Amino acid sequence: MAKSKPKPPLLEWIASAVGLMLILGVMTVIARDAFTGSGDIAPEVAVAATRVGRSGTGYLVAFEARNLSAVTAAQVVIEGKLPGGETSTATIDYVPGRSTRRGGLFFSQDPRGVELRALGYQDP
């Protein structure tokens, strides 16, 4: 007499279906990103002052560097320039795509009217 195999329980079928949907979803996201991409070829770092105040014997300009593209940037150099000509720079080690990093610049003069910009980056 041949023994019949027991049918898999319903919970096993449900777990298999959920696993299959997760795998197909991940593969779809990866394929879409591979074929369409973001189109960005370089980081786009926008810098804005978030706070200005006294710091010890000078002044501190806190800033926020926002990478608007999907491309990651490393060693991003931020420069602040005062109307009187004084400059200060800071380097942010790593700014992933579509993210924000914070830092600060020190000045000896009152930093009202400071102009902030990203000077350059390296590919990670």
Foldseek 3Di string as FASTA:
>chain_A
DDDDDDDDDPVVVVVVVVVVVVVVVVVVVVVCCVVPNQPDDDWDWDKDFDDWDDDVQWIKTKMKIFTAAQAKWAQWKKKKAAPVGDIWIDTDGIHGHGGMDMDMTTDNDRRPPIDMDTDDTDHD
